[in-house]
All heavy atoms as atom14 arrays in JSON, in Angstrom:
{
  "sequence": "PLQGGLPTDRLVAEWWLESKRVTDLLTAGKYSLPEKLERVEVPA",
  "atom14_mask": [
    [1, 1, 1, 1, 1, 1, 1, 0, 0, 0, 0, 0, 0, 0],
    [1, 1, 1, 1, 1, 1, 1, 1, 0, 0, 0, 0, 0, 0],
    [1, 1, 1, 1, 1, 1, 1, 1, 1, 0, 0, 0, 0, 0],
    [1, 1, 1, 1, 0, 0, 0, 0, 0, 0, 0, 0, 0, 0],
    [1, 1, 1, 1, 0, 0, 0, 0, 0, 0, 0, 0, 0, 0],
    [1, 1, 1, 1, 1, 1, 1, 1, 0, 0, 0, 0, 0, 0],
    [1, 1, 1, 1, 1, 1, 1, 0, 0, 0, 0, 0, 0, 0],
    [1, 1, 1, 1, 1, 1, 1, 0, 0, 0, 0, 0, 0, 0],
    [1, 1, 1, 1, 1, 1, 1, 1, 0, 0, 0, 0, 0, 0],
    [1, 1, 1, 1, 1, 1, 1, 1, 1, 1, 1, 0, 0, 0],
    [1, 1, 1, 1, 1, 1, 1, 1, 0, 0, 0, 0, 0, 0],
    [1, 1, 1, 1, 1, 1, 1, 0, 0, 0, 0, 0, 0, 0],
    [1, 1, 1, 1, 1, 0, 0, 0, 0, 0, 0, 0, 0, 0],
    [1, 1, 1, 1, 1, 1, 1, 1, 1, 0, 0, 0, 0, 0],
    [1, 1, 1, 1, 1, 1, 1, 1, 1, 1, 1, 1, 1, 1],
    [1, 1, 1, 1, 1, 1, 1, 1, 1, 1, 1, 1, 1, 1],
    [1, 1, 1, 1, 1, 1, 1, 1, 0, 0, 0, 0, 0, 0],
    [1, 1, 1, 1, 1, 1, 1, 1, 1, 0, 0, 0, 0, 0],
    [1, 1, 1, 1, 1, 1, 0, 0, 0, 0, 0, 0, 0, 0],
    [1, 1, 1, 1, 1, 1, 1, 1, 1, 0, 0, 0, 0, 0],
    [1, 1, 1, 1, 1, 1, 1, 1, 1, 1, 1, 0, 0, 0],
    [1, 1, 1, 1, 1, 1, 1, 0, 0, 0, 0, 0, 0, 0],
    [1, 1, 1, 1, 1, 1, 1, 0, 0, 0, 0, 0, 0, 0],
    [1, 1, 1, 1, 1, 1, 1, 1, 0, 0, 0, 0, 0, 0],
    [1, 1, 1, 1, 1, 1, 1, 1, 0, 0, 0, 0, 0, 0],
    [1, 1, 1, 1, 1, 1, 1, 1, 0, 0, 0, 0, 0, 0],
    [1, 1, 1, 1, 1, 1, 1, 0, 0, 0, 0, 0, 0, 0],
    [1, 1, 1, 1, 1, 0, 0, 0, 0, 0, 0, 0, 0, 0],
    [1, 1, 1, 1, 0, 0, 0, 0, 0, 0, 0, 0, 0, 0],
    [1, 1, 1, 1, 1, 1, 1, 1, 1, 0, 0, 0, 0, 0],
    [1, 1, 1, 1, 1, 1, 1, 1, 1, 1, 1, 1, 0, 0],
    [1, 1, 1, 1, 1, 1, 0, 0, 0, 0, 0, 0, 0, 0],
    [1, 1, 1, 1, 1, 1, 1, 1, 0, 0, 0, 0, 0, 0],
    [1, 1, 1, 1, 1, 1, 1, 0, 0, 0, 0, 0, 0, 0],
    [1, 1, 1, 1, 1, 1, 1, 1, 1, 0, 0, 0, 0, 0],
    [1, 1, 1, 1, 1, 1, 1, 1, 1, 0, 0, 0, 0, 0],
    [1, 1, 1, 1, 1, 1, 1, 1, 0, 0, 0, 0, 0, 0],
    [1, 1, 1, 1, 1, 1, 1, 1, 1, 0, 0, 0, 0, 0],
    [1, 1, 1, 1, 1, 1, 1, 1, 1, 1, 1, 0, 0, 0],
    [1, 1, 1, 1, 1, 1, 1, 0, 0, 0, 0, 0, 0, 0],
    [1, 1, 1, 1, 1, 1, 1, 1, 1, 0, 0, 0, 0, 0],
    [1, 1, 1, 1, 1, 1, 1, 0, 0, 0, 0, 0, 0, 0],
    [1, 1, 1, 1, 1, 1, 1, 0, 0, 0, 0, 0, 0, 0],
    [1, 1, 1, 1, 1, 0, 0, 0, 0, 0, 0, 0, 0, 0]
  ],
  "atom14_positions": [
    [[-2.6, -15.54, -10.41], [-3.85, -16.09, -9.9], [-4.36, -15.38, -8.73], [-5.54, -15.5, -8.18], [-3.43, -17.55, -9.63], [-2.0, -17.62, -9.55], [-1.43, -16.42, -10.41], [0.0, 0.0, 0.0], [0.0, 0.0, 0.0], [0.0, 0.0, 0.0], [0.0, 0.0, 0.0], [0.0, 0.0, 0.0], [0.0, 0.0, 0.0], [0.0, 0.0, 0.0]],
    [[-3.42, -14.64, -7.95], [-3.82, -13.96, -6.8], [-4.9, -12.84, -7.0], [-5.73, -12.46, -6.16], [-2.66, -13.37, -6.1], [-1.55, -14.32, -5.6], [-0.53, -13.49, -5.01], [-2.18, -15.48, -4.68], [0.0, 0.0, 0.0], [0.0, 0.0, 0.0], [0.0, 0.0, 0.0], [0.0, 0.0, 0.0], [0.0, 0.0, 0.0], [0.0, 0.0, 0.0]],
    [[-4.97, -12.41, -8.28], [-5.81, -11.43, -8.65], [-7.16, -11.89, -8.98], [-8.18, -11.23, -9.04], [-5.37, -10.56, -9.88], [-6.05, -9.47, -10.32], [-5.91, -8.32, -9.29], [-5.04, -8.03, -8.72], [-7.03, -7.6, -9.11], [0.0, 0.0, 0.0], [0.0, 0.0, 0.0], [0.0, 0.0, 0.0], [0.0, 0.0, 0.0], [0.0, 0.0, 0.0]],
    [[-7.3, -13.17, -9.24], [-8.57, -13.95, -9.28], [-9.32, -13.36, -10.72], [-10.63, -13.55, -10.71], [0.0, 0.0, 0.0], [0.0, 0.0, 0.0], [0.0, 0.0, 0.0], [0.0, 0.0, 0.0], [0.0, 0.0, 0.0], [0.0, 0.0, 0.0], [0.0, 0.0, 0.0], [0.0, 0.0, 0.0], [0.0, 0.0, 0.0], [0.0, 0.0, 0.0]],
    [[-8.7, -12.83, -11.67], [-9.36, -12.49, -12.83], [-10.11, -11.18, -12.74], [-10.66, -10.75, -13.68], [0.0, 0.0, 0.0], [0.0, 0.0, 0.0], [0.0, 0.0, 0.0], [0.0, 0.0, 0.0], [0.0, 0.0, 0.0], [0.0, 0.0, 0.0], [0.0, 0.0, 0.0], [0.0, 0.0, 0.0], [0.0, 0.0, 0.0], [0.0, 0.0, 0.0]],
    [[-9.99, -10.48, -11.57], [-10.67, -9.24, -11.42], [-9.82, -8.07, -11.96], [-8.64, -8.19, -12.03], [-10.94, -9.11, -9.85], [-11.82, -10.11, -9.19], [-11.96, -9.49, -7.59], [-13.11, -10.31, -9.7], [0.0, 0.0, 0.0], [0.0, 0.0, 0.0], [0.0, 0.0, 0.0], [0.0, 0.0, 0.0], [0.0, 0.0, 0.0], [0.0, 0.0, 0.0]],
    [[-10.53, -6.95, -12.15], [-9.75, -5.84, -12.62], [-8.82, -5.42, -11.55], [-8.94, -5.57, -10.26], [-10.88, -4.66, -12.66], [-12.06, -5.41, -12.87], [-11.92, -6.66, -12.2], [0.0, 0.0, 0.0], [0.0, 0.0, 0.0], [0.0, 0.0, 0.0], [0.0, 0.0, 0.0], [0.0, 0.0, 0.0], [0.0, 0.0, 0.0], [0.0, 0.0, 0.0]],
    [[-7.58, -4.82, -11.95], [-6.48, -4.59, -11.04], [-6.68, -3.2, -10.48], [-5.92, -2.22, -10.64], [-5.2, -4.65, -11.78], [-5.22, -3.83, -12.96], [-4.79, -6.12, -12.12], [0.0, 0.0, 0.0], [0.0, 0.0, 0.0], [0.0, 0.0, 0.0], [0.0, 0.0, 0.0], [0.0, 0.0, 0.0], [0.0, 0.0, 0.0], [0.0, 0.0, 0.0]],
    [[-7.74, -3.06, -9.71], [-8.02, -1.73, -8.85], [-6.85, -1.62, -7.88], [-6.57, -2.44, -7.27], [-9.26, -1.68, -8.28], [-10.53, -1.65, -9.22], [-10.29, -1.83, -10.45], [-11.66, -1.45, -8.76], [0.0, 0.0, 0.0], [0.0, 0.0, 0.0], [0.0, 0.0, 0.0], [0.0, 0.0, 0.0], [0.0, 0.0, 0.0], [0.0, 0.0, 0.0]],
    [[-6.52, -0.27, -7.72], [-5.4, 0.0, -6.78], [-5.68, 1.36, -6.11], [-6.17, 2.27, -6.74], [-4.01, 0.13, -7.41], [-3.59, -1.26, -8.09], [-3.37, -2.36, -7.06], [-2.86, -3.45, -7.72], [-3.38, -4.61, -8.05], [-4.79, -4.54, -7.78], [-2.8, -5.62, -8.57], [0.0, 0.0, 0.0], [0.0, 0.0, 0.0], [0.0, 0.0, 0.0]],
    [[-5.51, 1.35, -4.85], [-5.35, 2.54, -4.12], [-3.86, 2.98, -4.01], [-3.03, 2.02, -4.17], [-5.71, 2.36, -2.56], [-7.21, 2.46, -2.3], [-7.5, 1.89, -0.84], [-7.75, 3.92, -2.41], [0.0, 0.0, 0.0], [0.0, 0.0, 0.0], [0.0, 0.0, 0.0], [0.0, 0.0, 0.0], [0.0, 0.0, 0.0], [0.0, 0.0, 0.0]],
    [[-3.65, 4.38, -4.03], [-2.26, 4.86, -3.92], [-1.86, 5.18, -2.68], [-2.43, 6.09, -2.06], [-2.02, 5.98, -5.0], [-0.65, 6.49, -4.85], [-2.55, 5.63, -6.41], [0.0, 0.0, 0.0], [0.0, 0.0, 0.0], [0.0, 0.0, 0.0], [0.0, 0.0, 0.0], [0.0, 0.0, 0.0], [0.0, 0.0, 0.0], [0.0, 0.0, 0.0]],
    [[-0.93, 4.48, -2.16], [-0.45, 4.75, -0.84], [0.54, 5.97, -0.81], [1.4, 5.97, -1.7], [0.34, 3.6, -0.14], [0.0, 0.0, 0.0], [0.0, 0.0, 0.0], [0.0, 0.0, 0.0], [0.0, 0.0, 0.0], [0.0, 0.0, 0.0], [0.0, 0.0, 0.0], [0.0, 0.0, 0.0], [0.0, 0.0, 0.0], [0.0, 0.0, 0.0]],
    [[0.28, 6.97, 0.04], [1.2, 7.99, 0.05], [1.96, 7.97, 1.58], [1.3, 8.04, 2.46], [0.62, 9.38, 0.08], [-0.17, 9.66, -1.23], [-0.89, 11.05, -1.24], [-0.48, 11.99, -0.47], [-1.93, 11.09, -1.91], [0.0, 0.0, 0.0], [0.0, 0.0, 0.0], [0.0, 0.0, 0.0], [0.0, 0.0, 0.0], [0.0, 0.0, 0.0]],
    [[3.2, 7.79, 1.59], [4.04, 7.62, 2.67], [4.83, 8.98, 2.9], [5.98, 8.9, 2.4], [4.84, 6.32, 2.71], [5.25, 5.81, 4.02], [4.5, 6.01, 5.29], [6.34, 4.98, 4.35], [5.2, 5.23, 6.24], [6.28, 4.72, 5.74], [7.37, 4.4, 3.63], [7.27, 3.93, 6.42], [8.29, 3.58, 4.23], [8.22, 3.32, 5.58]],
    [[4.31, 9.85, 3.71], [4.96, 11.1, 3.97], [6.07, 10.82, 5.08], [5.74, 10.78, 6.22], [4.1, 12.19, 4.37], [3.23, 12.67, 3.11], [2.05, 12.12, 2.71], [3.67, 13.4, 2.04], [1.58, 12.61, 1.55], [2.55, 13.48, 1.06], [4.78, 14.21, 1.87], [2.61, 14.26, -0.15], [4.8, 14.97, 0.58], [3.71, 14.96, -0.35]],
    [[7.3, 10.77, 4.71], [8.27, 10.12, 5.61], [8.54, 10.91, 6.86], [9.06, 10.35, 7.86], [9.55, 9.89, 4.77], [9.47, 9.17, 3.46], [10.7, 9.15, 2.77], [8.83, 7.83, 3.71], [0.0, 0.0, 0.0], [0.0, 0.0, 0.0], [0.0, 0.0, 0.0], [0.0, 0.0, 0.0], [0.0, 0.0, 0.0], [0.0, 0.0, 0.0]],
    [[8.4, 12.24, 6.7], [8.68, 13.0, 7.95], [7.46, 13.68, 8.52], [7.51, 14.61, 9.36], [9.6, 14.2, 7.61], [10.96, 13.65, 7.16], [12.03, 14.67, 6.81], [11.77, 15.46, 5.91], [13.17, 14.89, 7.44], [0.0, 0.0, 0.0], [0.0, 0.0, 0.0], [0.0, 0.0, 0.0], [0.0, 0.0, 0.0], [0.0, 0.0, 0.0]],
    [[6.25, 13.16, 8.17], [5.11, 13.61, 8.74], [4.91, 13.3, 10.19], [5.54, 12.36, 10.73], [3.9, 13.14, 8.03], [3.73, 11.8, 8.19], [0.0, 0.0, 0.0], [0.0, 0.0, 0.0], [0.0, 0.0, 0.0], [0.0, 0.0, 0.0], [0.0, 0.0, 0.0], [0.0, 0.0, 0.0], [0.0, 0.0, 0.0], [0.0, 0.0, 0.0]],
    [[4.11, 14.1, 10.99], [3.89, 13.58, 12.42], [3.32, 12.38, 12.54], [3.52, 11.57, 13.45], [3.06, 14.74, 13.06], [2.87, 14.51, 14.6], [2.04, 15.77, 15.18], [2.01, 15.68, 16.68], [1.34, 14.4, 17.15], [0.0, 0.0, 0.0], [0.0, 0.0, 0.0], [0.0, 0.0, 0.0], [0.0, 0.0, 0.0], [0.0, 0.0, 0.0]],
    [[2.48, 12.07, 11.6], [1.64, 10.67, 11.69], [2.61, 9.64, 11.6], [2.66, 8.65, 12.35], [0.67, 10.73, 10.35], [0.12, 9.4, 10.13], [-0.77, 9.46, 8.81], [-1.26, 8.26, 8.56], [-2.34, 7.61, 8.86], [-3.1, 8.27, 9.79], [-2.74, 6.37, 8.47], [0.0, 0.0, 0.0], [0.0, 0.0, 0.0], [0.0, 0.0, 0.0]],
    [[3.66, 9.67, 10.72], [4.49, 8.57, 10.44], [5.53, 8.59, 11.6], [5.92, 7.57, 12.1], [5.28, 8.73, 9.06], [6.41, 7.63, 8.94], [4.21, 8.46, 7.92], [0.0, 0.0, 0.0], [0.0, 0.0, 0.0], [0.0, 0.0, 0.0], [0.0, 0.0, 0.0], [0.0, 0.0, 0.0], [0.0, 0.0, 0.0], [0.0, 0.0, 0.0]],
    [[6.11, 9.74, 11.93], [7.08, 9.72, 12.91], [6.55, 9.34, 14.3], [7.19, 8.6, 15.13], [7.79, 11.14, 13.05], [6.88, 12.18, 13.32], [8.62, 11.45, 11.86], [0.0, 0.0, 0.0], [0.0, 0.0, 0.0], [0.0, 0.0, 0.0], [0.0, 0.0, 0.0], [0.0, 0.0, 0.0], [0.0, 0.0, 0.0], [0.0, 0.0, 0.0]],
    [[5.31, 9.74, 14.56], [4.61, 9.23, 15.8], [4.52, 7.81, 16.0], [4.61, 7.08, 16.91], [3.31, 9.99, 16.09], [3.31, 11.29, 16.62], [4.37, 11.82, 16.79], [2.16, 12.06, 16.42], [0.0, 0.0, 0.0], [0.0, 0.0, 0.0], [0.0, 0.0, 0.0], [0.0, 0.0, 0.0], [0.0, 0.0, 0.0], [0.0, 0.0, 0.0]],
    [[4.1, 7.23, 14.75], [3.89, 5.7, 14.73], [5.19, 5.04, 14.76], [5.24, 3.99, 15.57], [3.21, 5.36, 13.34], [3.03, 3.82, 13.05], [2.14, 3.36, 14.01], [2.59, 3.59, 11.58], [0.0, 0.0, 0.0], [0.0, 0.0, 0.0], [0.0, 0.0, 0.0], [0.0, 0.0, 0.0], [0.0, 0.0, 0.0], [0.0, 0.0, 0.0]],
    [[6.26, 5.51, 14.25], [7.61, 4.76, 14.23], [8.25, 4.88, 15.63], [9.05, 4.11, 16.04], [8.45, 5.22, 13.19], [7.88, 4.89, 11.69], [8.93, 5.26, 10.55], [7.69, 3.3, 11.67], [0.0, 0.0, 0.0], [0.0, 0.0, 0.0], [0.0, 0.0, 0.0], [0.0, 0.0, 0.0], [0.0, 0.0, 0.0], [0.0, 0.0, 0.0]],
    [[7.91, 6.07, 16.26], [8.72, 6.38, 17.59], [7.73, 5.84, 18.81], [8.31, 5.38, 19.76], [8.96, 7.73, 17.72], [7.83, 8.64, 17.59], [9.95, 8.26, 16.64], [0.0, 0.0, 0.0], [0.0, 0.0, 0.0], [0.0, 0.0, 0.0], [0.0, 0.0, 0.0], [0.0, 0.0, 0.0], [0.0, 0.0, 0.0], [0.0, 0.0, 0.0]],
    [[6.47, 6.17, 18.72], [5.61, 5.83, 19.85], [4.75, 4.62, 19.64], [3.93, 4.16, 20.64], [4.75, 7.12, 20.22], [0.0, 0.0, 0.0], [0.0, 0.0, 0.0], [0.0, 0.0, 0.0], [0.0, 0.0, 0.0], [0.0, 0.0, 0.0], [0.0, 0.0, 0.0], [0.0, 0.0, 0.0], [0.0, 0.0, 0.0], [0.0, 0.0, 0.0]],
    [[4.69, 4.14, 18.46], [3.76, 2.95, 18.09], [2.32, 3.28, 17.81], [1.54, 2.34, 17.69], [0.0, 0.0, 0.0], [0.0, 0.0, 0.0], [0.0, 0.0, 0.0], [0.0, 0.0, 0.0], [0.0, 0.0, 0.0], [0.0, 0.0, 0.0], [0.0, 0.0, 0.0], [0.0, 0.0, 0.0], [0.0, 0.0, 0.0], [0.0, 0.0, 0.0]],
    [[2.0, 4.56, 17.55], [0.52, 4.92, 17.4], [0.52, 6.29, 16.76], [1.57, 7.08, 16.85], [-0.22, 4.87, 18.69], [0.26, 5.89, 19.77], [-0.57, 5.78, 21.07], [-0.03, 6.8, 22.04], [-0.94, 6.6, 23.37], [0.0, 0.0, 0.0], [0.0, 0.0, 0.0], [0.0, 0.0, 0.0], [0.0, 0.0, 0.0], [0.0, 0.0, 0.0]],
    [[-0.56, 6.6, 16.18], [-0.98, 7.95, 15.74], [-2.42, 8.15, 16.0], [-3.13, 7.27, 16.27], [-0.66, 8.02, 14.13], [-1.37, 6.96, 13.37], [-2.77, 7.07, 13.01], [-0.75, 6.01, 12.81], [-3.4, 6.1, 12.28], [-1.22, 4.9, 12.09], [-2.51, 5.03, 11.77], [-3.13, 4.18, 11.0], [0.0, 0.0, 0.0], [0.0, 0.0, 0.0]],
    [[-2.77, 9.46, 15.89], [-4.2, 9.79, 16.26], [-5.03, 9.84, 15.03], [-4.61, 10.05, 13.9], [-4.14, 11.18, 16.93], [-3.66, 12.16, 16.08], [0.0, 0.0, 0.0], [0.0, 0.0, 0.0], [0.0, 0.0, 0.0], [0.0, 0.0, 0.0], [0.0, 0.0, 0.0], [0.0, 0.0, 0.0], [0.0, 0.0, 0.0], [0.0, 0.0, 0.0]],
    [[-6.39, 9.5, 15.28], [-7.29, 9.63, 14.31], [-8.46, 10.49, 14.64], [-8.76, 10.76, 15.81], [-8.0, 8.18, 14.01], [-7.1, 7.06, 13.37], [-7.76, 5.72, 13.55], [-6.89, 7.35, 12.0], [0.0, 0.0, 0.0], [0.0, 0.0, 0.0], [0.0, 0.0, 0.0], [0.0, 0.0, 0.0], [0.0, 0.0, 0.0], [0.0, 0.0, 0.0]],
    [[-9.01, 11.26, 13.54], [-10.19, 12.08, 13.91], [-11.39, 11.3, 14.54], [-11.56, 10.07, 14.15], [-10.49, 12.75, 12.66], [-9.95, 11.64, 11.57], [-8.8, 11.14, 12.25], [0.0, 0.0, 0.0], [0.0, 0.0, 0.0], [0.0, 0.0, 0.0], [0.0, 0.0, 0.0], [0.0, 0.0, 0.0], [0.0, 0.0, 0.0], [0.0, 0.0, 0.0]],
    [[-12.21, 11.95, 15.26], [-13.31, 11.34, 15.9], [-14.37, 10.85, 14.86], [-15.04, 9.76, 14.98], [-14.06, 12.3, 16.92], [-13.22, 12.6, 18.1], [-13.96, 13.37, 19.09], [-15.13, 13.56, 18.89], [-13.2, 13.76, 20.12], [0.0, 0.0, 0.0], [0.0, 0.0, 0.0], [0.0, 0.0, 0.0], [0.0, 0.0, 0.0], [0.0, 0.0, 0.0]],
    [[-14.63, 11.61, 13.79], [-15.72, 11.34, 12.69], [-15.0, 10.61, 11.68], [-14.14, 11.09, 11.01], [-16.31, 12.62, 12.21], [-17.5, 12.3, 11.33], [-18.16, 13.56, 10.81], [-19.31, 13.23, 9.96], [-19.98, 14.45, 9.43], [0.0, 0.0, 0.0], [0.0, 0.0, 0.0], [0.0, 0.0, 0.0], [0.0, 0.0, 0.0], [0.0, 0.0, 0.0]],
    [[-15.34, 9.23, 11.53], [-14.72, 8.41, 10.45], [-15.96, 7.62, 9.69], [-17.0, 7.3, 10.28], [-13.95, 7.34, 11.19], [-12.61, 7.83, 11.82], [-12.02, 6.72, 12.71], [-11.55, 8.38, 10.87], [0.0, 0.0, 0.0], [0.0, 0.0, 0.0], [0.0, 0.0, 0.0], [0.0, 0.0, 0.0], [0.0, 0.0, 0.0], [0.0, 0.0, 0.0]],
    [[-15.65, 7.63, 8.43], [-16.48, 6.79, 7.51], [-15.79, 5.44, 7.28], [-14.54, 5.29, 7.29], [-16.78, 7.51, 6.1], [-17.34, 8.82, 6.29], [-18.9, 8.71, 6.53], [-19.49, 7.56, 6.41], [-19.46, 9.73, 7.0], [0.0, 0.0, 0.0], [0.0, 0.0, 0.0], [0.0, 0.0, 0.0], [0.0, 0.0, 0.0], [0.0, 0.0, 0.0]],
    [[-16.69, 4.4, 7.1], [-16.1, 2.98, 7.03], [-16.33, 2.36, 5.67], [-17.59, 2.56, 5.32], [-16.53, 2.23, 8.17], [-15.83, 2.55, 9.54], [-16.66, 2.05, 10.82], [-15.92, 2.23, 11.9], [-15.74, 3.33, 12.56], [-16.53, 4.4, 12.25], [-15.0, 3.53, 13.69], [0.0, 0.0, 0.0], [0.0, 0.0, 0.0], [0.0, 0.0, 0.0]],
    [[-15.56, 1.56, 5.27], [-15.76, 0.65, 4.06], [-15.16, -0.79, 4.43], [-14.05, -0.82, 4.77], [-15.13, 1.18, 2.74], [-15.31, 0.2, 1.62], [-15.67, 2.45, 2.44], [0.0, 0.0, 0.0], [0.0, 0.0, 0.0], [0.0, 0.0, 0.0], [0.0, 0.0, 0.0], [0.0, 0.0, 0.0], [0.0, 0.0, 0.0], [0.0, 0.0, 0.0]],
    [[-16.0, -1.67, 4.41], [-15.72, -3.13, 4.84], [-15.21, -4.08, 3.77], [-15.7, -3.84, 2.58], [-16.85, -3.7, 5.56], [-17.23, -2.93, 6.93], [-18.31, -3.57, 7.56], [-18.94, -4.57, 7.14], [-18.69, -2.98, 8.67], [0.0, 0.0, 0.0], [0.0, 0.0, 0.0], [0.0, 0.0, 0.0], [0.0, 0.0, 0.0], [0.0, 0.0, 0.0]],
    [[-14.28, -4.83, 4.12], [-13.81, -5.95, 3.11], [-13.93, -7.24, 3.85], [-13.28, -7.51, 4.76], [-12.3, -5.59, 2.69], [-11.82, -6.71, 1.68], [-12.17, -4.24, 2.14], [0.0, 0.0, 0.0], [0.0, 0.0, 0.0], [0.0, 0.0, 0.0], [0.0, 0.0, 0.0], [0.0, 0.0, 0.0], [0.0, 0.0, 0.0], [0.0, 0.0, 0.0]],
    [[-14.8, -8.17, 3.29], [-14.93, -9.48, 4.07], [-13.65, -10.32, 3.8], [-13.11, -10.43, 2.71], [-16.18, -10.01, 3.36], [-16.24, -9.39, 1.9], [-15.61, -8.01, 2.22], [0.0, 0.0, 0.0], [0.0, 0.0, 0.0], [0.0, 0.0, 0.0], [0.0, 0.0, 0.0], [0.0, 0.0, 0.0], [0.0, 0.0, 0.0], [0.0, 0.0, 0.0]],
    [[-13.44, -11.16, 4.99], [-12.32, -12.06, 4.87], [-12.61, -13.16, 3.84], [-11.56, -13.62, 3.31], [-12.12, -12.53, 6.26], [0.0, 0.0, 0.0], [0.0, 0.0, 0.0], [0.0, 0.0, 0.0], [0.0, 0.0, 0.0], [0.0, 0.0, 0.0], [0.0, 0.0, 0.0], [0.0, 0.0, 0.0], [0.0, 0.0, 0.0], [0.0, 0.0, 0.0]]
  ]
}
């Protein structure tokens, strides 16, 4: 019922375990993002 009868659309998460992004996050609590970003919103 959590799907609400909608199509089961999915994004594929890639977790590159030894990437700088992941190691920075797990060791320093943050990672950097590029300045130019596009946004897609999901209402609560």
